[in-house]
C-alpha atoms as a PDB file:
ATOM      1  CA  UNK A   1       2.674  34.022  28.385  1.00  0.00           C
ATOM      2  CA  UNK A   2       1.048  30.708  27.493  1.00  0.00           C
ATOM      3  CA  UNK A   3      -2.748  30.437  27.731  1.00  0.00           C
ATOM      4  CA  UNK A   4      -5.048  27.727  26.435  1.00  0.00           C
ATOM      5  CA  UNK A   5      -8.627  28.965  26.888  1.00  0.00           C
ATOM      6  CA  UNK A   6     -11.026  26.198  25.890  1.00  0.00           C
ATOM      7  CA  UNK A   7     -14.789  26.409  25.614  1.00  0.00           C
ATOM      8  CA  UNK A   8     -15.328  22.929  27.044  1.00  0.00           C
ATOM      9  CA  UNK A   9     -13.562  19.809  28.318  1.00  0.00           C
ATOM     10  CA  UNK A  10     -14.971  17.220  25.921  1.00  0.00           C
ATOM     11  CA  UNK A  11     -16.735  16.980  22.601  1.00  0.00           C
ATOM     12  CA  UNK A  12     -19.689  14.657  22.175  1.00  0.00           C
ATOM     13  CA  UNK A  13     -18.417  11.135  21.588  1.00  0.00           C
ATOM     14  CA  UNK A  14     -14.873  11.951  22.765  1.00  0.00           C
ATOM     15  CA  UNK A  15     -13.736   9.629  25.550  1.00  0.00           C
ATOM     16  CA  UNK A  16     -10.768  11.739  26.681  1.00  0.00           C
ATOM     17  CA  UNK A  17     -10.713  15.034  28.503  1.00  0.00           C
ATOM     18  CA  UNK A  18      -9.364  17.804  26.272  1.00  0.00           C
ATOM     19  CA  UNK A  19      -9.049  15.269  23.471  1.00  0.00           C
ATOM     20  CA  UNK A  20      -9.854  17.794  20.753  1.00  0.00           C
ATOM     21  CA  UNK A  21      -6.929  19.951  21.926  1.00  0.00           C
ATOM     22  CA  UNK A  22      -4.338  17.187  22.349  1.00  0.00           C
ATOM     23  CA  UNK A  23      -2.218  18.147  19.372  1.00  0.00           C
ATOM     24  CA  UNK A  24      -1.701  21.738  20.509  1.00  0.00           C
ATOM     25  CA  UNK A  25      -1.347  20.986  24.223  1.00  0.00           C
ATOM     26  CA  UNK A  26       1.072  18.088  23.852  1.00  0.00           C
ATOM     27  CA  UNK A  27       3.194  20.046  21.393  1.00  0.00           C
ATOM     28  CA  UNK A  28       3.495  22.751  24.052  1.00  0.00           C
ATOM     29  CA  UNK A  29       4.391  20.176  26.714  1.00  0.00           C
ATOM     30  CA  UNK A  30       7.146  18.804  24.498  1.00  0.00           C
ATOM     31  CA  UNK A  31       8.534  22.216  23.606  1.00  0.00           C
ATOM     32  CA  UNK A  32       8.648  23.280  27.253  1.00  0.00           C
ATOM     33  CA  UNK A  33       9.663  19.880  28.652  1.00  0.00           C
ATOM     34  CA  UNK A  34       6.631  19.795  30.954  1.00  0.00           C
ATOM     35  CA  UNK A  35       6.164  16.542  32.864  1.00  0.00           C
ATOM     36  CA  UNK A  36       3.704  17.583  35.587  1.00  0.00           C
ATOM     37  CA  UNK A  37       0.902  20.010  36.348  1.00  0.00           C
ATOM     38  CA  UNK A  38      -1.072  21.358  39.291  1.00  0.00           C
ATOM     39  CA  UNK A  39      -4.804  20.790  38.903  1.00  0.00           C
ATOM     40  CA  UNK A  40      -7.343  23.257  40.326  1.00  0.00           C
ATOM     41  CA  UNK A  41     -10.633  21.322  40.611  1.00  0.00           C
ATOM     42  CA  UNK A  42     -12.784  23.671  42.713  1.00  0.00           C
ATOM     43  CA  UNK A  43     -15.384  24.172  39.971  1.00  0.00           C
ATOM     44  CA  UNK A  44     -16.357  20.498  40.307  1.00  0.00           C
ATOM     45  CA  UNK A  45     -19.241  20.345  42.778  1.00  0.00           C
ATOM     46  CA  UNK A  46     -20.709  16.846  42.309  1.00  0.00           C
ATOM     47  CA  UNK A  47     -17.614  14.935  41.187  1.00  0.00           C
ATOM     48  CA  UNK A  48     -14.428  13.552  42.701  1.00  0.00           C
ATOM     49  CA  UNK A  49     -11.317  15.718  42.467  1.00  0.00           C
ATOM     50  CA  UNK A  50      -8.857  12.819  42.439  1.00  0.00           C
ATOM     51  CA  UNK A  51     -10.816  10.901  39.829  1.00  0.00           C
ATOM     52  CA  UNK A  52     -10.743  13.941  37.549  1.00  0.00           C
ATOM     53  CA  UNK A  53      -7.001  14.301  38.121  1.00  0.00           C
ATOM     54  CA  UNK A  54      -6.503  10.657  37.138  1.00  0.00           C
ATOM     55  CA  UNK A  55      -8.572  11.201  33.991  1.00  0.00           C
ATOM     56  CA  UNK A  56      -6.328  14.121  33.084  1.00  0.00           C
ATOM     57  CA  UNK A  57      -3.186  12.094  33.718  1.00  0.00           C
ATOM     58  CA  UNK A  58      -4.416   9.389  31.383  1.00  0.00           C
ATOM     59  CA  UNK A  59      -5.464  11.908  28.754  1.00  0.00           C
ATOM     60  CA  UNK A  60      -2.456  14.225  28.788  1.00  0.00           C
ATOM     61  CA  UNK A  61       0.314  11.778  29.677  1.00  0.00           C
ATOM     62  CA  UNK A  62       1.875  13.857  32.468  1.00  0.00           C
ATOM     63  CA  UNK A  63       1.729  13.692  36.269  1.00  0.00           C
ATOM     64  CA  UNK A  64      -1.243  15.626  37.686  1.00  0.00           C
ATOM     65  CA  UNK A  65      -1.466  16.683  41.338  1.00  0.00           C
ATOM     66  CA  UNK A  66      -4.724  18.167  42.608  1.00  0.00           C
ATOM     67  CA  UNK A  67      -4.171  21.322  44.636  1.00  0.00           C
ATOM     68  CA  UNK A  68      -6.667  20.277  47.300  1.00  0.00           C
ATOM     69  CA  UNK A  69      -3.982  17.972  48.732  1.00  0.00           C
ATOM     70  CA  UNK A  70      -1.657  20.912  49.383  1.00  0.00           C
ATOM     71  CA  UNK A  71      -1.557  22.340  52.909  1.00  0.00           C
ATOM     72  CA  UNK A  72      -0.540  25.693  51.423  1.00  0.00           C
ATOM     73  CA  UNK A  73      -2.168  25.965  47.965  1.00  0.00           C
ATOM     74  CA  UNK A  74      -0.184  29.053  46.978  1.00  0.00           C
ATOM     75  CA  UNK A  75       3.057  27.104  47.379  1.00  0.00           C
ATOM     76  CA  UNK A  76       1.791  24.465  44.950  1.00  0.00           C
ATOM     77  CA  UNK A  77       1.307  27.218  42.364  1.00  0.00           C
ATOM     78  CA  UNK A  78       4.780  28.596  43.041  1.00  0.00           C
ATOM     79  CA  UNK A  79       6.267  25.178  42.242  1.00  0.00           C
ATOM     80  CA  UNK A  80       4.014  24.306  39.296  1.00  0.00           C
ATOM     81  CA  UNK A  81       5.297  23.549  35.811  1.00  0.00           C
ATOM     82  CA  UNK A  82       1.785  24.005  34.438  1.00  0.00           C
ATOM     83  CA  UNK A  83      -1.632  25.009  35.802  1.00  0.00           C
ATOM     84  CA  UNK A  84      -4.846  23.200  34.793  1.00  0.00           C
ATOM     85  CA  UNK A  85      -8.198  24.706  35.808  1.00  0.00           C
ATOM     86  CA  UNK A  86     -11.290  22.546  35.475  1.00  0.00           C
ATOM     87  CA  UNK A  87     -14.733  23.299  34.187  1.00  0.00           C
ATOM     88  CA  UNK A  88     -17.786  23.183  36.431  1.00  0.00           C
ATOM     89  CA  UNK A  89     -19.398  26.025  38.345  1.00  0.00           C
ATOM     90  CA  UNK A  90     -17.626  29.318  37.636  1.00  0.00           C
ATOM     91  CA  UNK A  91     -19.022  31.152  40.652  1.00  0.00           C
ATOM     92  CA  UNK A  92     -17.817  28.516  43.090  1.00  0.00           C
ATOM     93  CA  UNK A  93     -14.421  28.238  41.392  1.00  0.00           C
ATOM     94  CA  UNK A  94     -13.796  31.983  41.470  1.00  0.00           C
ATOM     95  CA  UNK A  95     -14.850  32.235  45.107  1.00  0.00           C
ATOM     96  CA  UNK A  96     -12.439  29.447  46.057  1.00  0.00           C
ATOM     97  CA  UNK A  97      -9.566  31.046  44.129  1.00  0.00           C
ATOM     98  CA  UNK A  98     -10.067  34.174  46.238  1.00  0.00           C
ATOM     99  CA  UNK A  99     -10.603  32.315  49.524  1.00  0.00           C
ATOM    100  CA  UNK A 100      -7.514  30.141  49.009  1.00  0.00           C
ATOM    101  CA  UNK A 101      -5.370  33.171  48.183  1.00  0.00           C
ATOM    102  CA  UNK A 102      -4.583  31.936  44.662  1.00  0.00           C
ATOM    103  CA  UNK A 103      -5.380  34.957  42.492  1.00  0.00           C
ATOM    104  CA  UNK A 104      -2.038  36.737  42.820  1.00  0.00           C
ATOM    105  CA  UNK A 105       0.103  33.539  42.850  1.00  0.00           C
ATOM    106  CA  UNK A 106      -1.517  32.383  39.573  1.00  0.00           C
ATOM    107  CA  UNK A 107      -1.142  35.832  38.002  1.00  0.00           C
ATOM    108  CA  UNK A 108       2.538  35.958  38.953  1.00  0.00           C
ATOM    109  CA  UNK A 109       3.195  32.389  37.820  1.00  0.00           C
ATOM    110  CA  UNK A 110       1.664  32.998  34.394  1.00  0.00           C
ATOM    111  CA  UNK A 111       2.920  36.536  33.767  1.00  0.00           C
ATOM    112  CA  UNK A 112       6.318  36.484  35.439  1.00  0.00           C
ATOM    113  CA  UNK A 113       7.456  32.851  35.279  1.00  0.00           C
ATOM    114  CA  UNK A 114       5.541  32.047  32.080  1.00  0.00           C
ATOM    115  CA  UNK A 115       3.891  28.977  33.594  1.00  0.00           C
ATOM    116  CA  UNK A 116       1.318  27.686  31.065  1.00  0.00           C
ATOM    117  CA  UNK A 117      -2.336  28.062  32.061  1.00  0.00           C
ATOM    118  CA  UNK A 118      -4.954  25.680  30.630  1.00  0.00           C
ATOM    119  CA  UNK A 119      -8.555  26.412  31.541  1.00  0.00           C
ATOM    120  CA  UNK A 120     -11.751  24.993  30.112  1.00  0.00           C
ATOM    121  CA  UNK A 121     -15.330  26.191  30.613  1.00  0.00           C
ATOM    122  CA  UNK A 122     -15.254  27.669  34.157  1.00  0.00           C
ATOM    123  CA  UNK A 123     -11.462  27.615  33.979  1.00  0.00           C
ATOM    124  CA  UNK A 124     -11.707  29.696  30.824  1.00  0.00           C
ATOM    125  CA  UNK A 125     -14.156  32.127  32.437  1.00  0.00           C
ATOM    126  CA  UNK A 126     -11.906  32.889  35.417  1.00  0.00           C
ATOM    127  CA  UNK A 127      -8.966  33.702  33.126  1.00  0.00           C
ATOM    128  CA  UNK A 128     -10.813  36.858  31.985  1.00  0.00           C
ATOM    129  CA  UNK A 129     -11.258  40.147  33.895  1.00  0.00           C
ATOM    130  CA  UNK A 130     -14.476  38.987  35.561  1.00  0.00           C
ATOM    131  CA  UNK A 131     -17.003  36.145  35.588  1.00  0.00           C
ATOM    132  CA  UNK A 132     -19.939  38.344  34.533  1.00  0.00           C
ATOM    133  CA  UNK A 133     -20.374  36.468  31.228  1.00  0.00           C
ATOM    134  CA  UNK A 134     -20.564  32.953  32.638  1.00  0.00           C
ATOM    135  CA  UNK A 135     -23.634  30.801  31.957  1.00  0.00           C
ATOM    136  CA  UNK A 136     -23.565  29.356  35.484  1.00  0.00           C
ATOM    137  CA  UNK A 137     -25.743  29.998  38.522  1.00  0.00           C
ATOM    138  CA  UNK A 138     -24.307  31.807  41.583  1.00  0.00           C
ATOM    139  CA  UNK A 139     -24.701  28.840  43.910  1.00  0.00           C
ATOM    140  CA  UNK A 140     -23.200  30.645  46.929  1.00  0.00           C
ATOM    141  CA  UNK A 141     -24.658  33.709  48.590  1.00  0.00           C
ATOM    142  CA  UNK A 142     -21.167  35.179  48.927  1.00  0.00           C
ATOM    143  CA  UNK A 143     -19.782  35.728  45.439  1.00  0.00           C
ATOM    144  CA  UNK A 144     -16.877  37.587  43.831  1.00  0.00           C
ATOM    145  CA  UNK A 145     -16.973  38.907  40.265  1.00  0.00           C
ATOM    146  CA  UNK A 146     -13.353  39.965  39.680  1.00  0.00           C
ATOM    147  CA  UNK A 147     -11.278  37.106  38.265  1.00  0.00           C
ATOM    148  CA  UNK A 148      -7.680  36.509  37.132  1.00  0.00           C
ATOM    149  CA  UNK A 149      -7.574  38.932  34.212  1.00  0.00           C
ATOM    150  CA  UNK A 150      -4.963  36.942  32.295  1.00  0.00           C
ATOM    151  CA  UNK A 151      -6.941  37.475  29.093  1.00  0.00           C
ATOM    152  CA  UNK A 152      -8.194  41.076  28.770  1.00  0.00           C
ATOM    153  CA  UNK A 153     -11.606  40.455  27.145  1.00  0.00           C
ATOM    154  CA  UNK A 154     -14.710  38.773  28.526  1.00  0.00           C
ATOM    155  CA  UNK A 155     -15.419  35.271  27.161  1.00  0.00           C
ATOM    156  CA  UNK A 156     -18.647  33.318  26.964  1.00  0.00           C
ATOM    157  CA  UNK A 157     -17.812  29.583  26.711  1.00  0.00           C
ATOM    158  CA  UNK A 158     -20.302  26.968  25.472  1.00  0.00           C
ATOM    159  CA  UNK A 159     -21.758  29.575  23.154  1.00  0.00           C
ATOM    160  CA  UNK A 160     -24.745  28.429  21.131  1.00  0.00           C
ATOM    161  CA  UNK A 161     -27.040  30.470  18.906  1.00  0.00           C
ATOM    162  CA  UNK A 162     -29.676  27.787  18.334  1.00  0.00           C
ATOM    163  CA  UNK A 163     -33.299  28.750  18.952  1.00  0.00           C
ATOM    164  CA  UNK A 164     -35.046  26.098  21.036  1.00  0.00           C
ATOM    165  CA  UNK A 165     -38.645  25.508  20.089  1.00  0.00           C
ATOM    166  CA  UNK A 166     -41.016  26.558  22.860  1.00  0.00           C
ATOM    167  CA  UNK A 167     -38.353  28.430  24.853  1.00  0.00           C
ATOM    168  CA  UNK A 168     -39.689  31.891  25.666  1.00  0.00           C
ATOM    169  CA  UNK A 169     -36.713  33.240  27.625  1.00  0.00           C
ATOM    170  CA  UNK A 170     -33.878  35.314  26.239  1.00  0.00           C
ATOM    171  CA  UNK A 171     -31.498  33.686  23.782  1.00  0.00           C
ATOM    172  CA  UNK A 172     -27.751  33.658  24.430  1.00  0.00           C
ATOM    173  CA  UNK A 173     -27.334  36.404  21.844  1.00  0.00           C
ATOM    174  CA  UNK A 174     -29.866  38.558  23.691  1.00  0.00           C
ATOM    175  CA  UNK A 175     -28.138  37.978  27.037  1.00  0.00           C
ATOM    176  CA  UNK A 176     -24.744  38.938  25.638  1.00  0.00           C
ATOM    177  CA  UNK A 177     -26.228  41.978  23.911  1.00  0.00           C
ATOM    178  CA  UNK A 178     -27.669  43.000  27.281  1.00  0.00           C
ATOM    179  CA  UNK A 179     -24.229  42.717  28.867  1.00  0.00           C
ATOM    180  CA  UNK A 180     -22.760  44.985  26.203  1.00  0.00           C
ATOM    181  CA  UNK A 181     -25.617  47.474  26.572  1.00  0.00           C
ATOM    182  CA  UNK A 182     -24.977  47.754  30.308  1.00  0.00           C
ATOM    183  CA  UNK A 183     -21.188  47.748  29.765  1.00  0.00           C
ATOM    184  CA  UNK A 184     -20.809  49.591  26.441  1.00  0.00           C
ATOM    185  CA  UNK A 185     -17.016  49.876  26.623  1.00  0.00           C
ATOM    186  CA  UNK A 186     -16.581  46.089  26.943  1.00  0.00           C
ATOM    187  CA  UNK A 187     -16.734  43.269  24.395  1.00  0.00           C
ATOM    188  CA  UNK A 188     -17.467  39.552  24.664  1.00  0.00           C
ATOM    189  CA  UNK A 189     -15.874  36.708  22.705  1.00  0.00           C
ATOM    190  CA  UNK A 190     -18.374  33.858  22.306  1.00  0.00           C
ATOM    191  CA  UNK A 191     -16.650  30.474  21.968  1.00  0.00           C
ATOM    192  CA  UNK A 192     -18.510  27.523  20.505  1.00  0.00           C
ATOM    193  CA  UNK A 193     -17.892  23.959  21.682  1.00  0.00           C
ATOM    194  CA  UNK A 194     -14.556  22.502  20.618  1.00  0.00           C
ATOM    195  CA  UNK A 195     -12.827  25.848  20.229  1.00  0.00           C
ATOM    196  CA  UNK A 196      -9.654  27.337  21.708  1.00  0.00           C
ATOM    197  CA  UNK A 197      -8.096  30.751  22.108  1.00  0.00           C
ATOM    198  CA  UNK A 198      -4.344  30.200  22.407  1.00  0.00           C
ATOM    199  CA  UNK A 199      -1.879  32.824  23.582  1.00  0.00           C
ATOM    200  CA  UNK A 200       1.743  31.833  23.024  1.00  0.00           C
ATOM    201  CA  UNK A 201       4.260  34.506  23.852  1.00  0.00           C
ATOM    202  CA  UNK A 202       2.719  37.593  22.292  1.00  0.00           C
ATOM    203  CA  UNK A 203       0.693  35.763  19.625  1.00  0.00           C
ATOM    204  CA  UNK A 204      -3.025  34.989  19.798  1.00  0.00           C
ATOM    205  CA  UNK A 205      -4.509  32.269  17.592  1.00  0.00           C
ATOM    206  CA  UNK A 206      -7.826  30.447  17.309  1.00  0.00           C
ATOM    207  CA  UNK A 207      -8.662  26.811  16.652  1.00  0.00           C
ATOM    208  CA  UNK A 208     -11.974  25.001  16.241  1.00  0.00           C
ATOM    209  CA  UNK A 209     -12.118  21.221  16.155  1.00  0.00           C
ATOM    210  CA  UNK A 210     -15.467  21.537  14.369  1.00  0.00           C
ATOM    211  CA  UNK A 211     -14.299  24.122  11.855  1.00  0.00           C
ATOM    212  CA  UNK A 212     -16.581  26.792  13.298  1.00  0.00           C
ATOM    213  CA  UNK A 213     -15.919  30.425  14.070  1.00  0.00           C
ATOM    214  CA  UNK A 214     -16.350  32.579  17.152  1.00  0.00           C
ATOM    215  CA  UNK A 215     -18.514  35.665  17.585  1.00  0.00           C
ATOM    216  CA  UNK A 216     -17.642  39.066  18.999  1.00  0.00           C
ATOM    217  CA  UNK A 217     -20.343  41.079  20.760  1.00  0.00           C
ATOM    218  CA  UNK A 218     -19.936  44.868  20.949  1.00  0.00           C
ATOM    219  CA  UNK A 219     -22.471  47.499  21.919  1.00  0.00           C
ATOM    220  CA  UNK A 220     -23.932  49.316  18.946  1.00  0.00           C
ATOM    221  CA  UNK A 221     -22.184  47.083  16.407  1.00  0.00           C
ATOM    222  CA  UNK A 222     -23.454  44.193  14.337  1.00  0.00           C
ATOM    223  CA  UNK A 223     -22.413  40.839  15.782  1.00  0.00           C
ATOM    224  CA  UNK A 224     -20.324  38.844  13.335  1.00  0.00           C
ATOM    225  CA  UNK A 225     -18.624  35.450  13.223  1.00  0.00           C
ATOM    226  CA  UNK A 226     -14.886  35.157  12.630  1.00  0.00           C
ATOM    227  CA  UNK A 227     -12.440  32.316  12.012  1.00  0.00           C
ATOM    228  CA  UNK A 228      -9.182  34.026  12.965  1.00  0.00           C
ATOM    229  CA  UNK A 229      -8.205  36.403  15.739  1.00  0.00           C
ATOM    230  CA  UNK A 230      -7.554  39.455  13.561  1.00  0.00           C
ATOM    231  CA  UNK A 231     -11.061  40.539  14.565  1.00  0.00           C
ATOM    232  CA  UNK A 232      -9.683  40.992  18.102  1.00  0.00           C
ATOM    233  CA  UNK A 233      -6.639  43.045  17.127  1.00  0.00           C
ATOM    234  CA  UNK A 234      -8.106  46.254  18.547  1.00  0.00           C
ATOM    235  CA  UNK A 235      -9.174  44.587  21.803  1.00  0.00           C
ATOM    236  CA  UNK A 236      -6.099  42.662  22.955  1.00  0.00           C
ATOM    237  CA  UNK A 237      -2.394  43.481  23.328  1.00  0.00           C
ATOM    238  CA  UNK A 238      -1.347  40.396  21.347  1.00  0.00           C
ATOM    239  CA  UNK A 239      -0.351  39.865  17.736  1.00  0.00           C
ATOM    240  CA  UNK A 240      -3.493  38.313  16.209  1.00  0.00           C
ATOM    241  CA  UNK A 241      -3.248  35.642  13.521  1.00  0.00           C
END
């Protein structure tokens, strides 16, 4: 299995989508001889799907076809060399994946045919068992929580532990602690901006373009920051490095 789970699409000041992950992604493309990808843009609510696909083509140097042009979206997944899932609104994205009948085709493509999956922000959220740890608003009245489950642990992208002066609501840490209190058997990996969880075969690694670590939230345990995935060795079925 090949998963690139990215906290975000761009870093501040970076002109290219996924620019901070180019080295890892393009090395994978070269090793697998990937020349094209299917783009799933449903998380984008106020942007243009085709424009985003063109931005990705320019950034990644491969042909990108947006799935919204396909009469039968599941067939596009069946023929894909690679799957790219955009950031945006996680609730809307997950709902569309279910409505378009894409959950099982993506699962089979990634698990059985080893088609690489690259998801950032919302695209990272839907790769986990559910979207319960997204930061986004449920913008539709009809929502689905169960997601793709490609990665077995909940993730919180765009994680930040800064305390904003004058803000009287719960901090991100408090929200994630609440999740773990309600779901004491589950954990949450909090990814800061510019960070990647990468599954290649049976190996899980971590990279941060800013040299920062990730946090793991567990009920009844002190939250700590880590810089390699050995902290996840008891939570995932991968070899952690």
